[in-house]
């Protein structure tokens, strides 16, 4: 099920922040993010917003061990038991396949032009996605 989504006409970061705001309201206990968001600053941001939520990221190539304790714990878990860590991380593939499924079912583009109608269309897609998943399970 989807618990948060975001959209923006300006930037991907604005869409990310609106999705984080929505996810924060639902109470999340674990987060898996794309490699684009796998920096130490993102871990610090997630830690500030979600507290004790487990964070699963694939570190970038230039990652260092300096940073917050949550960053260090995440790196330790990644290096100590990579199979278990990657098993948890790749649960995000279910979301990626859900996005693909939604694009096939509802279309790839949102034809609306105003921000409110774009958000409404996104919300409707999210509701339909969740209803289809509830009906099949």
Protein backbone atom coordinates (compact mmCIF):
# COMPACT_ATOMS: atom_id res chain seq x y z
CA UNK A 1 0.00 0.00 0.00
CA UNK A 2 1.06 3.56 -0.60
CA UNK A 3 1.20 5.70 2.52
CA UNK A 4 2.59 8.88 1.01
CA UNK A 5 3.08 10.56 -2.32
CA UNK A 6 4.25 13.93 -3.52
CA UNK A 7 4.08 16.08 -6.61
CA UNK A 8 5.64 19.34 -7.63
CA UNK A 9 5.86 21.54 -10.68
CA UNK A 10 9.18 23.00 -9.49
CA UNK A 11 11.50 20.26 -8.24
CA UNK A 12 11.79 16.65 -7.22
CA UNK A 13 12.95 17.75 -3.77
CA UNK A 14 9.67 19.59 -3.19
CA UNK A 15 7.76 16.43 -4.15
CA UNK A 16 10.02 14.41 -1.81
CA UNK A 17 9.34 16.78 1.08
CA UNK A 18 5.57 16.59 0.56
CA UNK A 19 5.76 12.77 0.51
CA UNK A 20 7.85 12.83 3.71
CA UNK A 21 5.27 15.09 5.34
CA UNK A 22 2.47 12.69 4.45
CA UNK A 23 4.45 9.62 5.56
CA UNK A 24 5.32 11.33 8.84
CA UNK A 25 1.62 11.81 9.59
CA UNK A 26 0.99 8.06 9.19
CA UNK A 27 3.79 6.90 11.50
CA UNK A 28 6.43 4.97 9.58
CA UNK A 29 8.79 2.46 11.23
CA UNK A 30 11.17 1.84 8.30
CA UNK A 31 12.26 3.77 5.22
CA UNK A 32 13.92 2.59 2.01
CA UNK A 33 15.06 5.30 -0.38
CA UNK A 34 16.55 5.52 -3.85
CA UNK A 35 20.30 5.96 -4.22
CA UNK A 36 19.72 9.62 -5.06
CA UNK A 37 18.73 10.13 -1.40
CA UNK A 38 21.49 8.01 0.14
CA UNK A 39 23.64 10.73 1.62
CA UNK A 40 24.43 11.46 5.24
CA UNK A 41 22.31 14.60 5.16
CA UNK A 42 19.26 12.53 4.13
CA UNK A 43 19.83 10.14 7.03
CA UNK A 44 20.04 13.08 9.40
CA UNK A 45 16.84 14.55 7.92
CA UNK A 46 14.98 11.24 8.26
CA UNK A 47 16.25 10.78 11.80
CA UNK A 48 15.00 14.27 12.74
CA UNK A 49 11.57 13.65 11.19
CA UNK A 50 10.93 9.99 12.01
CA UNK A 51 12.96 9.40 15.16
CA UNK A 52 13.71 5.71 15.58
CA UNK A 53 12.61 4.51 12.11
CA UNK A 54 14.95 1.95 10.52
CA UNK A 55 16.71 3.40 7.49
CA UNK A 56 17.77 1.27 4.53
CA UNK A 57 19.93 3.00 1.91
CA UNK A 58 22.64 1.89 -0.46
CA UNK A 59 25.61 4.16 0.36
CA UNK A 60 27.16 6.17 -2.44
CA UNK A 61 30.66 5.30 -3.67
CA UNK A 62 32.29 8.17 -1.80
CA UNK A 63 30.59 7.43 1.55
CA UNK A 64 32.60 7.93 4.71
CA UNK A 65 32.04 6.73 8.26
CA UNK A 66 31.85 10.24 9.63
CA UNK A 67 28.36 11.44 10.41
CA UNK A 68 25.48 10.74 12.76
CA UNK A 69 25.22 7.55 14.82
CA UNK A 70 22.26 6.41 12.74
CA UNK A 71 24.44 6.69 9.61
CA UNK A 72 27.14 4.62 11.30
CA UNK A 73 24.61 2.00 12.46
CA UNK A 74 23.25 1.75 8.93
CA UNK A 75 26.73 1.32 7.44
CA UNK A 76 27.59 -1.28 10.08
CA UNK A 77 24.44 -3.27 9.29
CA UNK A 78 25.22 -3.01 5.57
CA UNK A 79 28.80 -4.23 6.00
CA UNK A 80 28.18 -6.77 8.77
CA UNK A 81 25.37 -8.72 7.10
CA UNK A 82 24.90 -7.53 3.50
CA UNK A 83 22.44 -10.29 2.52
CA UNK A 84 20.00 -9.48 5.31
CA UNK A 85 20.40 -5.73 4.71
CA UNK A 86 19.83 -6.02 0.96
CA UNK A 87 16.82 -8.29 1.54
CA UNK A 88 15.25 -5.49 3.59
CA UNK A 89 16.37 -2.75 1.20
CA UNK A 90 14.94 -4.44 -1.88
CA UNK A 91 11.47 -4.52 -0.37
CA UNK A 92 11.25 -1.14 -2.06
CA UNK A 93 11.07 -3.01 -5.38
CA UNK A 94 7.44 -3.73 -4.50
CA UNK A 95 6.79 0.02 -4.59
CA UNK A 96 8.66 0.41 -7.87
CA UNK A 97 6.62 -2.37 -9.47
CA UNK A 98 3.49 -0.73 -8.03
CA UNK A 99 4.41 2.53 -9.79
CA UNK A 100 4.88 0.62 -13.04
CA UNK A 101 1.54 -1.13 -12.56
CA UNK A 102 -0.18 2.20 -11.95
CA UNK A 103 1.35 3.71 -15.08
CA UNK A 104 0.03 0.81 -17.17
CA UNK A 105 -3.39 0.91 -15.51
CA UNK A 106 -4.01 4.68 -15.32
CA UNK A 107 -1.65 6.11 -17.95
CA UNK A 108 1.80 7.59 -17.82
CA UNK A 109 0.87 11.26 -17.84
CA UNK A 110 -1.37 13.39 -15.69
CA UNK A 111 -3.15 15.70 -18.16
CA UNK A 112 -4.13 18.29 -15.53
CA UNK A 113 -2.24 21.58 -15.42
CA UNK A 114 -3.12 23.17 -12.07
CA UNK A 115 -1.31 22.03 -8.96
CA UNK A 116 -4.53 21.22 -7.07
CA UNK A 117 -5.91 19.06 -9.85
CA UNK A 118 -2.54 17.31 -10.28
CA UNK A 119 -2.53 16.48 -6.56
CA UNK A 120 -6.14 15.29 -6.75
CA UNK A 121 -5.30 13.01 -9.70
CA UNK A 122 -2.29 11.64 -7.80
CA UNK A 123 -4.40 11.07 -4.71
CA UNK A 124 -7.05 9.25 -6.75
CA UNK A 125 -4.39 7.02 -8.31
CA UNK A 126 -3.07 6.24 -4.82
CA UNK A 127 -6.55 5.37 -3.55
CA UNK A 128 -7.27 3.14 -6.55
CA UNK A 129 -3.90 1.42 -6.15
CA UNK A 130 -4.59 0.68 -2.47
CA UNK A 131 -8.12 -0.53 -3.21
CA UNK A 132 -6.84 -2.92 -5.91
CA UNK A 133 -4.25 -4.30 -3.49
CA UNK A 134 -6.79 -4.72 -0.69
CA UNK A 135 -9.19 -6.50 -3.06
CA UNK A 136 -6.53 -8.98 -4.22
CA UNK A 137 -5.21 -9.80 -0.74
